[in-house]
N, C-alpha and C. Protein backbone atom coordinates (compact mmCIF):
# COMPACT_ATOMS: atom_id res chain seq x y z
N MET A 1 246.68 -56.14 121.33
CA MET A 1 246.17 -55.96 123.04
C MET A 1 247.35 -54.99 123.79
N ALA A 2 247.39 -53.92 124.44
CA ALA A 2 248.56 -53.36 125.26
C ALA A 2 249.05 -54.20 126.31
N VAL A 3 250.59 -54.24 126.63
CA VAL A 3 251.10 -55.15 127.04
C VAL A 3 251.50 -54.11 128.65
N VAL A 4 250.50 -54.39 129.77
CA VAL A 4 250.73 -54.05 131.08
C VAL A 4 251.93 -54.83 131.71
N THR A 5 252.81 -53.57 132.02
CA THR A 5 254.02 -54.03 132.87
C THR A 5 253.99 -53.93 133.96
N PRO A 6 253.77 -55.43 134.78
CA PRO A 6 253.21 -55.51 136.28
C PRO A 6 253.93 -54.41 137.28
N ALA A 7 253.70 -54.15 138.29
CA ALA A 7 253.72 -52.99 139.09
C ALA A 7 255.12 -53.59 139.95
N SER A 8 255.43 -54.55 139.95
CA SER A 8 257.15 -54.63 140.20
C SER A 8 257.80 -54.18 139.37
N GLN A 9 257.56 -54.36 138.21
CA GLN A 9 258.95 -53.72 137.35
C GLN A 9 258.18 -51.99 136.77
N THR A 10 258.04 -51.31 137.70
CA THR A 10 257.98 -50.06 137.55
C THR A 10 258.89 -49.71 138.47
N TRP A 11 259.05 -48.26 138.53
CA TRP A 11 259.97 -47.57 139.57
C TRP A 11 259.31 -47.12 140.45
N PRO A 12 259.33 -47.47 141.96
CA PRO A 12 258.01 -47.49 143.25
C PRO A 12 258.18 -45.70 143.19
N GLU A 13 256.77 -45.25 143.29
CA GLU A 13 256.27 -43.86 143.53
C GLU A 13 256.82 -43.55 144.76
N GLY A 14 257.29 -42.31 145.28
CA GLY A 14 257.79 -41.75 145.96
C GLY A 14 259.22 -41.69 146.13
N ILE A 15 260.06 -42.74 145.47
CA ILE A 15 261.29 -42.77 145.74
C ILE A 15 262.19 -42.54 144.45
N LEU A 16 263.27 -41.38 144.63
CA LEU A 16 263.98 -40.63 143.68
C LEU A 16 264.78 -41.67 142.73
N PRO A 17 264.83 -41.76 141.40
CA PRO A 17 265.77 -42.81 140.81
C PRO A 17 266.83 -42.76 141.07
N LEU A 18 267.62 -43.13 141.92
CA LEU A 18 268.91 -42.97 142.39
C LEU A 18 268.92 -44.27 143.01
N VAL A 19 270.08 -44.89 142.77
CA VAL A 19 270.12 -46.25 143.49
C VAL A 19 271.42 -46.11 143.60
N ALA A 20 271.90 -45.85 145.20
CA ALA A 20 273.33 -45.96 145.95
C ALA A 20 274.06 -47.56 146.09
N ILE A 21 274.68 -47.76 145.48
CA ILE A 21 275.55 -48.76 145.28
C ILE A 21 277.02 -49.27 146.18
N LEU A 22 276.60 -49.69 146.98
CA LEU A 22 277.53 -49.95 148.30
C LEU A 22 278.78 -51.04 148.38
N ARG A 23 279.08 -51.05 147.31
CA ARG A 23 280.63 -52.46 146.86
C ARG A 23 281.25 -51.96 148.14
N GLY A 24 281.56 -53.09 148.31
CA GLY A 24 282.46 -53.37 149.65
C GLY A 24 282.02 -53.19 151.30
N ILE A 25 280.66 -52.51 151.16
CA ILE A 25 279.88 -52.20 152.85
C ILE A 25 280.21 -53.38 153.54
N ARG A 26 279.78 -53.11 154.78
CA ARG A 26 280.55 -54.94 155.74
C ARG A 26 279.20 -54.27 156.76
N PRO A 27 278.60 -55.70 157.11
CA PRO A 27 277.50 -55.64 157.74
C PRO A 27 277.24 -54.68 159.01
N GLU A 28 278.68 -54.34 159.59
CA GLU A 28 278.34 -53.71 161.07
C GLU A 28 278.40 -52.08 160.60
N GLU A 29 278.72 -51.70 159.46
CA GLU A 29 278.55 -49.91 158.86
C GLU A 29 277.26 -49.65 158.28
N VAL A 30 276.51 -51.13 157.29
CA VAL A 30 275.59 -50.79 156.41
C VAL A 30 274.32 -49.93 156.63
N LEU A 31 274.00 -49.70 158.08
CA LEU A 31 273.11 -49.10 158.52
C LEU A 31 272.92 -47.70 158.99
N ASP A 32 274.66 -47.10 159.39
CA ASP A 32 274.65 -46.29 159.64
C ASP A 32 274.93 -45.11 158.20
N VAL A 33 275.33 -46.19 157.04
CA VAL A 33 275.86 -45.72 155.67
C VAL A 33 274.07 -45.55 155.33
N ALA A 34 273.08 -46.24 155.29
CA ALA A 34 272.03 -46.11 154.68
C ALA A 34 270.95 -45.32 154.92
N ALA A 35 271.39 -45.12 156.87
CA ALA A 35 270.24 -44.06 157.43
C ALA A 35 271.12 -42.54 157.11
N ALA A 36 272.68 -42.33 156.24
CA ALA A 36 272.90 -40.62 156.11
C ALA A 36 272.12 -40.77 154.48
N LEU A 37 272.17 -41.74 153.74
CA LEU A 37 271.60 -41.90 152.44
C LEU A 37 270.06 -41.55 152.56
N HIS A 38 269.57 -42.38 153.00
CA HIS A 38 267.92 -41.83 153.64
C HIS A 38 267.93 -40.31 154.12
N GLU A 39 268.81 -39.57 155.12
CA GLU A 39 268.22 -38.90 155.62
C GLU A 39 268.57 -37.69 154.33
N ALA A 40 269.34 -38.06 153.41
CA ALA A 40 269.46 -37.04 152.20
C ALA A 40 268.70 -37.10 151.08
N GLY A 41 267.67 -38.60 151.22
CA GLY A 41 266.53 -38.14 149.98
C GLY A 41 266.90 -39.28 149.08
N ILE A 42 268.13 -39.84 149.00
CA ILE A 42 267.91 -41.48 148.32
C ILE A 42 267.53 -42.93 149.52
N GLY A 43 266.50 -43.42 148.32
CA GLY A 43 265.65 -44.62 148.61
C GLY A 43 266.08 -45.94 148.18
N ALA A 44 267.03 -46.02 147.58
CA ALA A 44 267.35 -47.01 146.75
C ALA A 44 268.54 -47.31 147.21
N ILE A 45 268.96 -48.77 147.86
CA ILE A 45 269.89 -49.17 147.93
C ILE A 45 271.12 -50.70 147.51
N GLU A 46 271.82 -50.55 146.79
CA GLU A 46 272.11 -51.99 146.67
C GLU A 46 273.39 -52.35 147.00
N VAL A 47 273.41 -53.57 147.45
CA VAL A 47 274.81 -54.11 147.89
C VAL A 47 275.00 -55.02 147.36
N PRO A 48 276.14 -54.86 146.07
CA PRO A 48 276.73 -55.69 145.39
C PRO A 48 277.27 -57.27 145.59
N LEU A 49 276.83 -58.13 145.45
CA LEU A 49 277.12 -59.52 146.27
C LEU A 49 278.57 -59.86 146.08
N ASN A 50 279.62 -58.95 145.80
CA ASN A 50 281.15 -59.49 145.76
C ASN A 50 281.28 -58.31 146.84
N SER A 51 280.58 -58.32 147.88
CA SER A 51 280.60 -57.38 149.34
C SER A 51 281.18 -58.43 150.42
N PRO A 52 281.55 -58.01 151.44
CA PRO A 52 281.63 -58.92 152.36
C PRO A 52 280.00 -59.08 153.16
N SER A 53 279.88 -60.56 152.88
CA SER A 53 278.83 -60.69 153.94
C SER A 53 277.37 -60.01 153.25
N PRO A 54 277.50 -59.91 152.22
CA PRO A 54 276.38 -59.08 151.55
C PRO A 54 275.07 -59.37 151.81
N LEU A 55 274.75 -60.88 152.12
CA LEU A 55 273.21 -61.32 152.48
C LEU A 55 273.15 -60.77 153.68
N GLU A 56 274.17 -60.75 154.50
CA GLU A 56 273.91 -60.22 155.98
C GLU A 56 273.19 -58.92 155.96
N SER A 57 274.14 -57.68 155.26
CA SER A 57 273.88 -56.51 154.91
C SER A 57 272.21 -56.35 154.21
N ILE A 58 271.99 -56.96 153.64
CA ILE A 58 270.53 -57.00 152.76
C ILE A 58 269.63 -57.08 153.84
N ALA A 59 269.88 -58.24 155.11
CA ALA A 59 268.25 -58.53 155.70
C ALA A 59 268.66 -57.27 156.85
N ARG A 60 269.44 -56.72 157.19
CA ARG A 60 270.04 -55.81 158.00
C ARG A 60 269.00 -54.47 157.23
N LEU A 61 269.24 -54.23 156.09
CA LEU A 61 268.52 -53.36 155.86
C LEU A 61 267.66 -53.40 155.82
N VAL A 62 266.95 -54.44 155.07
CA VAL A 62 265.66 -54.79 154.96
C VAL A 62 264.62 -54.96 156.62
N ALA A 63 265.25 -54.87 157.37
CA ALA A 63 264.78 -55.01 158.88
C ALA A 63 264.61 -53.44 159.12
N ARG A 64 265.39 -52.60 159.41
CA ARG A 64 265.51 -51.28 159.46
C ARG A 64 264.82 -50.60 158.30
N PHE A 65 265.01 -50.50 157.08
CA PHE A 65 265.00 -49.66 156.33
C PHE A 65 263.82 -50.24 154.91
N GLY A 66 263.23 -51.39 155.34
CA GLY A 66 262.53 -51.66 153.90
C GLY A 66 261.27 -51.67 153.96
N ASP A 67 260.20 -50.59 154.97
CA ASP A 67 259.02 -49.94 154.50
C ASP A 67 259.47 -48.57 154.23
N ARG A 68 260.85 -48.03 154.08
CA ARG A 68 261.06 -46.91 153.87
C ARG A 68 262.15 -46.72 152.21
N CYS A 69 262.83 -47.93 151.80
CA CYS A 69 263.08 -48.05 150.66
C CYS A 69 263.32 -49.40 150.23
N LEU A 70 264.21 -49.14 148.87
CA LEU A 70 263.67 -50.21 147.92
C LEU A 70 265.40 -50.93 148.27
N CYS A 71 265.39 -51.94 148.78
CA CYS A 71 266.62 -52.65 149.33
C CYS A 71 266.79 -54.17 148.60
N GLY A 72 268.17 -54.39 148.19
CA GLY A 72 268.41 -55.28 147.70
C GLY A 72 270.07 -55.29 147.13
N ALA A 73 270.15 -56.45 146.21
CA ALA A 73 271.89 -56.64 145.64
C ALA A 73 271.90 -56.01 144.31
N GLY A 74 273.22 -56.06 144.13
CA GLY A 74 273.66 -56.38 143.11
C GLY A 74 274.43 -57.09 142.30
N THR A 75 275.17 -56.91 141.26
CA THR A 75 276.01 -57.80 141.06
C THR A 75 275.47 -59.57 141.02
N VAL A 76 274.04 -59.90 140.54
CA VAL A 76 273.74 -60.71 140.75
C VAL A 76 273.63 -61.23 139.42
N LEU A 77 274.20 -62.66 139.61
CA LEU A 77 274.72 -63.23 138.25
C LEU A 77 274.10 -64.85 137.83
N SER A 78 273.37 -64.93 139.08
CA SER A 78 272.28 -66.32 138.72
C SER A 78 270.94 -66.50 139.51
N PRO A 79 270.25 -67.39 138.68
CA PRO A 79 268.60 -67.52 139.34
C PRO A 79 268.84 -67.79 141.26
N ALA A 80 270.05 -68.72 141.65
CA ALA A 80 270.20 -69.05 142.82
C ALA A 80 270.68 -67.87 143.56
N ASP A 81 271.26 -66.95 142.75
CA ASP A 81 271.33 -65.58 143.98
C ASP A 81 270.29 -64.74 143.87
N VAL A 82 269.07 -64.85 143.30
CA VAL A 82 268.31 -64.09 142.84
C VAL A 82 267.40 -64.80 144.29
N ASP A 83 267.10 -66.26 144.79
CA ASP A 83 266.39 -66.86 145.33
C ASP A 83 267.02 -66.20 146.78
N ALA A 84 268.30 -66.26 147.16
CA ALA A 84 269.07 -66.21 148.15
C ALA A 84 268.73 -64.56 148.59
N VAL A 85 268.98 -63.79 147.70
CA VAL A 85 268.54 -62.48 147.98
C VAL A 85 267.22 -62.06 148.72
N HIS A 86 266.33 -62.94 147.85
CA HIS A 86 264.51 -62.76 148.32
C HIS A 86 264.39 -63.94 149.41
N ALA A 87 265.23 -64.49 149.61
CA ALA A 87 264.94 -64.47 151.30
C ALA A 87 265.50 -64.22 152.45
N THR A 88 266.27 -63.20 152.10
CA THR A 88 266.59 -62.14 153.36
C THR A 88 265.42 -61.07 153.07
N GLY A 89 264.60 -61.09 152.19
CA GLY A 89 263.58 -60.15 152.18
C GLY A 89 263.37 -58.92 150.83
N GLY A 90 264.70 -59.14 150.65
CA GLY A 90 265.51 -58.14 149.47
C GLY A 90 264.57 -57.98 148.20
N ARG A 91 264.27 -56.43 147.80
CA ARG A 91 263.31 -56.42 146.68
C ARG A 91 264.00 -56.39 145.28
N LEU A 92 265.16 -55.72 145.25
CA LEU A 92 265.64 -55.27 144.38
C LEU A 92 266.79 -56.37 143.86
N ILE A 93 266.92 -56.08 142.20
CA ILE A 93 267.64 -57.17 141.74
C ILE A 93 268.71 -56.38 140.75
N VAL A 94 269.79 -56.14 140.78
CA VAL A 94 270.71 -55.39 139.76
C VAL A 94 271.17 -56.18 139.09
N THR A 95 271.30 -56.53 137.83
CA THR A 95 272.61 -57.19 137.11
C THR A 95 273.50 -56.43 136.70
N PRO A 96 274.51 -57.11 136.28
CA PRO A 96 275.63 -56.44 135.52
C PRO A 96 275.49 -56.53 133.38
N ASN A 97 274.78 -57.65 133.74
CA ASN A 97 274.64 -58.29 131.94
C ASN A 97 273.28 -58.85 131.81
N THR A 98 272.87 -59.33 130.55
CA THR A 98 271.63 -59.75 130.50
C THR A 98 271.54 -60.98 130.52
N VAL A 99 271.42 -61.74 131.01
CA VAL A 99 270.80 -63.23 131.61
C VAL A 99 268.72 -63.93 131.62
N PRO A 100 268.83 -63.80 130.82
CA PRO A 100 267.28 -63.79 130.63
C PRO A 100 266.67 -64.95 131.81
N ALA A 101 267.35 -66.17 132.45
CA ALA A 101 267.20 -66.94 133.45
C ALA A 101 267.26 -66.28 134.94
N VAL A 102 268.11 -65.04 134.86
CA VAL A 102 268.56 -64.27 136.11
C VAL A 102 266.88 -63.13 136.20
N ILE A 103 266.53 -62.89 135.08
CA ILE A 103 265.27 -61.91 135.04
C ILE A 103 264.03 -62.27 135.02
N GLU A 104 263.87 -63.52 134.60
CA GLU A 104 262.83 -64.57 134.67
C GLU A 104 262.71 -64.74 136.25
N ARG A 105 263.68 -65.17 136.94
CA ARG A 105 263.10 -65.58 138.27
C ARG A 105 262.84 -64.48 139.08
N ALA A 106 263.79 -63.08 139.34
CA ALA A 106 263.46 -61.75 139.82
C ALA A 106 261.71 -61.69 139.55
N ALA A 107 261.24 -61.59 137.91
CA ALA A 107 260.19 -61.63 137.98
C ALA A 107 259.15 -62.08 138.39
N THR A 108 259.49 -63.22 138.11
CA THR A 108 258.42 -64.55 138.97
C THR A 108 258.33 -64.41 140.15
N LEU A 109 259.32 -63.52 141.24
CA LEU A 109 259.20 -63.63 142.78
C LEU A 109 258.48 -62.44 143.24
N GLY A 110 258.05 -60.96 142.02
CA GLY A 110 257.89 -60.17 142.05
C GLY A 110 258.79 -58.76 142.57
N MET A 111 259.82 -59.09 142.19
CA MET A 111 261.01 -58.66 142.73
C MET A 111 261.36 -57.44 141.52
N THR A 112 261.72 -56.56 141.90
CA THR A 112 262.07 -55.27 140.77
C THR A 112 263.51 -55.69 140.88
N VAL A 113 263.34 -55.50 139.06
CA VAL A 113 264.71 -56.08 138.38
C VAL A 113 265.50 -55.11 137.59
N MET A 114 266.79 -54.79 137.53
CA MET A 114 267.54 -53.97 136.19
C MET A 114 268.68 -54.21 135.86
N PRO A 115 268.18 -55.13 134.80
CA PRO A 115 269.48 -55.49 133.84
C PRO A 115 270.36 -54.80 133.49
N GLY A 116 271.30 -55.28 133.23
CA GLY A 116 272.87 -54.40 132.29
C GLY A 116 272.55 -54.72 131.21
N PHE A 117 272.62 -53.73 130.27
CA PHE A 117 272.93 -54.15 129.41
C PHE A 117 273.62 -53.04 128.24
N ALA A 118 274.18 -53.62 127.06
CA ALA A 118 274.95 -52.51 126.72
C ALA A 118 274.27 -52.14 124.69
N THR A 119 273.67 -52.82 124.30
CA THR A 119 273.25 -53.09 122.95
C THR A 119 271.67 -53.39 122.99
N ALA A 120 271.31 -52.68 121.65
CA ALA A 120 269.93 -53.16 121.66
C ALA A 120 269.54 -54.49 121.82
N THR A 121 270.22 -55.15 121.04
CA THR A 121 269.82 -56.55 120.82
C THR A 121 269.35 -57.40 122.59
N GLU A 122 270.56 -57.16 123.45
CA GLU A 122 270.67 -57.11 124.98
C GLU A 122 269.47 -56.37 125.65
N ALA A 123 269.35 -55.29 125.23
CA ALA A 123 268.10 -54.80 125.72
C ALA A 123 266.76 -55.25 125.29
N PHE A 124 266.17 -55.58 124.21
CA PHE A 124 265.11 -56.42 124.12
C PHE A 124 265.21 -57.69 124.47
N ALA A 125 266.19 -58.18 124.71
CA ALA A 125 266.06 -59.42 125.20
C ALA A 125 266.00 -59.51 126.60
N ALA A 126 266.13 -58.32 127.55
CA ALA A 126 266.05 -58.59 128.88
C ALA A 126 264.20 -58.14 128.97
N LEU A 127 263.56 -56.81 128.12
CA LEU A 127 262.51 -56.75 128.23
C LEU A 127 261.72 -57.96 127.66
N GLY A 128 262.17 -58.97 126.76
CA GLY A 128 261.45 -60.36 126.48
C GLY A 128 261.46 -60.92 127.58
N ALA A 129 262.75 -61.02 128.64
CA ALA A 129 262.37 -62.11 129.58
C ALA A 129 262.09 -61.05 130.87
N GLY A 130 261.14 -59.83 130.99
CA GLY A 130 260.30 -59.56 132.12
C GLY A 130 260.70 -58.72 132.64
N ALA A 131 261.78 -57.94 131.97
CA ALA A 131 262.08 -56.57 132.94
C ALA A 131 261.45 -55.44 132.54
N GLY A 132 261.21 -54.50 133.14
CA GLY A 132 260.77 -53.33 132.91
C GLY A 132 260.82 -52.49 132.84
N MET A 133 262.63 -52.10 133.26
CA MET A 133 263.59 -50.85 133.36
C MET A 133 264.85 -51.54 132.69
N LEU A 134 265.48 -51.06 132.63
CA LEU A 134 267.16 -51.14 132.22
C LEU A 134 268.28 -50.46 132.98
N LYS A 135 269.42 -50.88 132.74
CA LYS A 135 270.67 -50.46 133.15
C LYS A 135 271.48 -50.28 131.94
N LEU A 136 271.84 -49.18 131.31
CA LEU A 136 273.18 -49.04 130.27
C LEU A 136 274.47 -49.04 131.53
N PHE A 137 275.29 -50.07 130.99
CA PHE A 137 276.64 -50.38 132.10
C PHE A 137 277.64 -51.16 130.85
N PRO A 138 278.86 -50.45 130.98
CA PRO A 138 278.82 -49.18 131.91
C PRO A 138 278.94 -48.03 131.05
N ALA A 139 278.32 -47.07 131.65
CA ALA A 139 277.35 -46.09 130.59
C ALA A 139 278.88 -45.14 130.42
N ALA A 140 279.82 -45.01 130.73
CA ALA A 140 280.60 -44.19 130.93
C ALA A 140 281.39 -44.32 129.60
N SER A 141 281.22 -45.46 129.05
CA SER A 141 282.34 -46.54 128.38
C SER A 141 281.07 -45.99 126.65
N TYR A 142 279.99 -45.70 127.06
CA TYR A 142 279.24 -45.53 125.71
C TYR A 142 279.04 -44.01 125.20
N GLY A 143 278.58 -43.42 126.67
CA GLY A 143 278.20 -41.86 126.45
C GLY A 143 276.72 -41.67 126.25
N PRO A 144 276.79 -40.13 126.51
CA PRO A 144 275.07 -39.99 126.48
C PRO A 144 274.69 -40.30 124.86
N GLY A 145 275.20 -40.02 123.84
CA GLY A 145 274.75 -40.39 122.30
C GLY A 145 274.45 -41.67 122.11
N HIS A 146 275.01 -42.76 123.09
CA HIS A 146 274.38 -44.35 122.35
C HIS A 146 272.93 -43.71 123.19
N LEU A 147 272.91 -43.84 124.32
CA LEU A 147 271.72 -44.08 125.05
C LEU A 147 270.64 -43.03 124.08
N LYS A 148 271.07 -42.34 123.91
CA LYS A 148 269.83 -41.43 123.12
C LYS A 148 269.31 -42.39 121.82
N ALA A 149 270.30 -42.97 121.18
CA ALA A 149 270.17 -43.26 120.15
C ALA A 149 269.35 -44.67 120.87
N LEU A 150 269.77 -45.38 121.33
CA LEU A 150 268.80 -47.09 121.93
C LEU A 150 267.44 -45.93 122.36
N ARG A 151 267.23 -45.06 122.60
CA ARG A 151 265.87 -44.52 123.19
C ARG A 151 265.27 -44.64 122.07
N GLU A 152 265.49 -43.89 120.68
CA GLU A 152 264.88 -43.93 119.80
C GLU A 152 263.66 -45.44 119.25
N VAL A 153 264.35 -46.36 119.80
CA VAL A 153 264.02 -47.87 119.37
C VAL A 153 263.05 -48.59 120.37
N LEU A 154 263.58 -48.27 121.85
CA LEU A 154 263.11 -48.81 123.03
C LEU A 154 261.30 -48.04 123.70
N PRO A 155 260.82 -48.72 124.23
CA PRO A 155 259.41 -48.66 124.07
C PRO A 155 259.78 -47.08 125.07
N ARG A 156 258.50 -46.46 125.18
CA ARG A 156 258.76 -44.96 125.84
C ARG A 156 259.05 -45.62 127.36
N ASP A 157 257.97 -46.26 127.77
CA ASP A 157 257.83 -46.40 129.23
C ASP A 157 258.72 -47.01 129.77
N VAL A 158 259.72 -47.53 129.29
CA VAL A 158 261.04 -48.02 129.53
C VAL A 158 261.64 -47.35 130.24
N ALA A 159 262.11 -47.42 131.29
CA ALA A 159 263.18 -46.42 132.00
C ALA A 159 264.59 -46.97 131.90
N VAL A 160 265.39 -46.26 131.54
CA VAL A 160 266.97 -46.93 131.49
C VAL A 160 267.73 -46.02 132.63
N PHE A 161 268.59 -46.57 133.21
CA PHE A 161 268.92 -45.74 134.14
C PHE A 161 270.63 -46.20 134.16
N ALA A 162 271.33 -45.02 134.14
CA ALA A 162 272.92 -44.84 133.28
C ALA A 162 273.52 -45.50 134.86
N VAL A 163 274.65 -46.17 134.60
CA VAL A 163 275.60 -46.84 135.93
C VAL A 163 276.56 -47.01 135.28
N GLY A 164 277.60 -46.34 136.34
CA GLY A 164 279.17 -46.94 135.75
C GLY A 164 280.05 -45.01 135.20
N GLY A 165 280.01 -44.41 135.99
CA GLY A 165 280.89 -43.25 135.74
C GLY A 165 280.07 -42.29 135.73
N VAL A 166 279.03 -42.11 135.96
CA VAL A 166 278.10 -41.38 135.91
C VAL A 166 277.75 -40.63 137.19
N GLY A 167 277.54 -39.32 137.75
CA GLY A 167 277.38 -39.14 139.17
C GLY A 167 276.81 -37.55 138.94
N ALA A 168 277.10 -36.53 140.08
CA ALA A 168 276.29 -35.49 140.50
C ALA A 168 277.29 -33.91 139.48
N ALA A 169 278.69 -34.90 138.82
CA ALA A 169 279.16 -33.75 138.17
C ALA A 169 279.02 -33.60 136.90
N ASN A 170 278.25 -35.10 135.95
CA ASN A 170 278.24 -35.16 134.75
C ASN A 170 276.81 -35.65 134.44
N LEU A 171 275.83 -35.67 135.19
CA LEU A 171 274.72 -36.23 135.12
C LEU A 171 274.00 -35.07 134.09
N ALA A 172 273.93 -34.34 133.91
CA ALA A 172 272.76 -33.24 132.82
C ALA A 172 272.99 -33.92 131.45
N PRO A 173 274.06 -33.89 130.55
CA PRO A 173 274.04 -34.95 129.11
C PRO A 173 273.26 -36.35 129.48
N TRP A 174 272.91 -36.61 130.02
CA TRP A 174 272.33 -37.98 130.52
C TRP A 174 271.22 -37.80 130.44
N ARG A 175 270.56 -36.99 131.45
CA ARG A 175 269.32 -36.25 131.41
C ARG A 175 269.06 -35.61 129.98
N GLN A 176 269.59 -35.41 129.53
CA GLN A 176 269.04 -34.84 128.28
C GLN A 176 269.14 -36.11 126.98
N ALA A 177 269.78 -36.75 127.57
CA ALA A 177 269.96 -37.96 126.18
C ALA A 177 268.81 -38.79 126.63
N GLY A 178 268.08 -39.10 127.72
CA GLY A 178 266.52 -39.71 128.39
C GLY A 178 266.95 -40.50 129.36
N CYS A 179 268.11 -40.03 129.90
CA CYS A 179 267.77 -41.36 131.06
C CYS A 179 267.09 -40.86 132.35
N ALA A 180 266.68 -42.30 132.92
CA ALA A 180 265.49 -41.75 133.62
C ALA A 180 266.01 -41.78 135.40
N GLY A 181 267.40 -42.32 135.16
CA GLY A 181 267.89 -42.88 136.50
C GLY A 181 268.96 -42.69 136.77
N LEU A 182 269.94 -42.92 137.68
CA LEU A 182 271.37 -43.47 138.07
C LEU A 182 271.48 -44.27 139.16
N GLY A 183 272.58 -45.44 139.01
CA GLY A 183 273.18 -45.94 139.94
C GLY A 183 273.92 -45.51 140.32
N VAL A 184 274.79 -45.18 141.40
CA VAL A 184 275.85 -44.28 141.57
C VAL A 184 276.75 -45.47 142.95
N GLY A 185 277.93 -45.50 142.42
CA GLY A 185 278.68 -45.96 143.11
C GLY A 185 279.93 -45.27 144.10
N GLY A 186 281.07 -45.15 143.57
CA GLY A 186 282.10 -44.45 144.28
C GLY A 186 281.84 -42.97 144.34
N ASP A 187 281.15 -42.56 143.71
CA ASP A 187 280.92 -40.64 143.85
C ASP A 187 279.73 -40.98 145.03
N LEU A 188 279.43 -41.88 145.70
CA LEU A 188 278.75 -42.08 146.89
C LEU A 188 279.31 -42.92 147.84
N TYR A 189 279.72 -43.48 147.86
CA TYR A 189 280.29 -44.89 148.52
C TYR A 189 281.66 -45.83 148.67
N ARG A 190 283.01 -45.43 149.10
CA ARG A 190 283.76 -46.46 148.80
C ARG A 190 283.89 -47.41 150.20
N ALA A 191 284.60 -48.46 149.92
CA ALA A 191 284.60 -49.15 151.50
C ALA A 191 285.42 -48.32 152.08
N GLY A 192 285.02 -47.69 153.51
CA GLY A 192 285.39 -47.43 154.75
C GLY A 192 285.10 -46.04 154.75
N HIS A 193 284.17 -45.79 153.93
CA HIS A 193 283.86 -43.84 153.60
C HIS A 193 283.15 -43.78 154.98
N PRO A 194 283.08 -43.41 156.04
CA PRO A 194 282.51 -42.58 156.97
C PRO A 194 281.13 -41.96 156.49
N ALA A 195 279.90 -42.12 157.57
CA ALA A 195 278.70 -42.27 156.92
C ALA A 195 278.64 -40.55 157.27
N GLY A 196 279.01 -39.54 157.50
CA GLY A 196 279.28 -38.29 157.37
C GLY A 196 279.89 -38.39 156.18
N GLU A 197 280.44 -38.60 155.43
CA GLU A 197 280.90 -38.56 154.50
C GLU A 197 279.62 -38.95 153.04
N VAL A 198 279.54 -40.14 153.29
CA VAL A 198 278.50 -40.30 152.36
C VAL A 198 277.10 -39.58 152.18
N HIS A 199 277.05 -39.05 153.88
CA HIS A 199 275.74 -38.16 153.42
C HIS A 199 275.76 -36.81 152.60
N ARG A 200 277.09 -36.51 153.00
CA ARG A 200 277.39 -35.08 152.22
C ARG A 200 277.09 -35.28 150.86
N ARG A 201 278.27 -36.99 149.99
CA ARG A 201 278.46 -36.78 148.65
C ARG A 201 276.59 -37.10 148.35
N ALA A 202 275.85 -37.56 149.37
CA ALA A 202 274.33 -37.93 148.70
C ALA A 202 273.67 -36.79 148.54
N LEU A 203 273.57 -36.15 149.59
CA LEU A 203 272.69 -34.28 149.30
C LEU A 203 273.37 -33.25 148.18
N ALA A 204 274.92 -33.85 147.40
CA ALA A 204 275.03 -32.94 146.03
C ALA A 204 274.40 -34.03 144.95
N LEU A 205 274.58 -34.93 145.49
CA LEU A 205 273.51 -36.01 144.49
C LEU A 205 272.11 -35.63 144.33
N VAL A 206 271.84 -35.48 144.95
CA VAL A 206 270.37 -35.32 145.28
C VAL A 206 270.00 -33.79 144.46
N ALA A 207 270.84 -32.55 145.13
CA ALA A 207 270.57 -31.69 144.57
C ALA A 207 270.77 -31.64 142.90
N ALA A 208 271.29 -32.40 142.48
CA ALA A 208 272.34 -32.01 140.91
C ALA A 208 271.16 -32.81 140.66
N TRP A 209 270.86 -33.81 140.54
CA TRP A 209 269.32 -34.58 140.17
C TRP A 209 268.32 -33.48 140.14
N ARG A 210 267.83 -32.59 140.80
CA ARG A 210 266.86 -32.40 141.48
C ARG A 210 266.90 -31.06 140.09
N ALA A 211 267.75 -30.40 140.33
CA ALA A 211 268.47 -29.70 139.54
C ALA A 211 268.13 -29.41 137.84
N SER A 212 268.57 -31.37 137.73
CA SER A 212 268.46 -31.31 136.38
C SER A 212 267.21 -31.33 135.50
N GLN A 213 265.95 -31.49 136.22
CA GLN A 213 264.76 -31.66 135.92
C GLN A 213 264.07 -30.76 135.30
């Protein structure tokens, strides 16, 4: 019998597969930055949990953009973190590593979970725990050839996002290797960047992504 991936573990229709990673953002600036991203065409926003007051930022995002954007947290390390993000209304869980208990908790709560992995062993452990998509991290350390080789053994319907050192300037070889999406941090936002600068960078990323398709 075919295995059906739950809807929460597939990428939402109508949202480009580009995740803005707002590491270091503060609650008082998150809405202006999110508006800039949304206006540029990016509808998935991750606030890493090692940012200042991250749960407050996520709660603000959900209240303002939750009906239009997939909002949630990155650098999620434990099931307790998952519960805390869920309590804010966040729907996206992104991890830097492969921890089955974190994946299982997020999937049980109906949240979209994107676990970090580097090897085939980690990838299949994440899928076995309930993930429907994966995050190759740090992507730049492995290169597009690594992803291309992994795609030979991963299920066709499992989306792999490249995160870490991939952006508008170098996404083409990743697309050719089978990358389904990107998570982009410093190329979009660094702590203190004004919303106007984020908007300019987001427009460039969206244009490069669409040109690569």
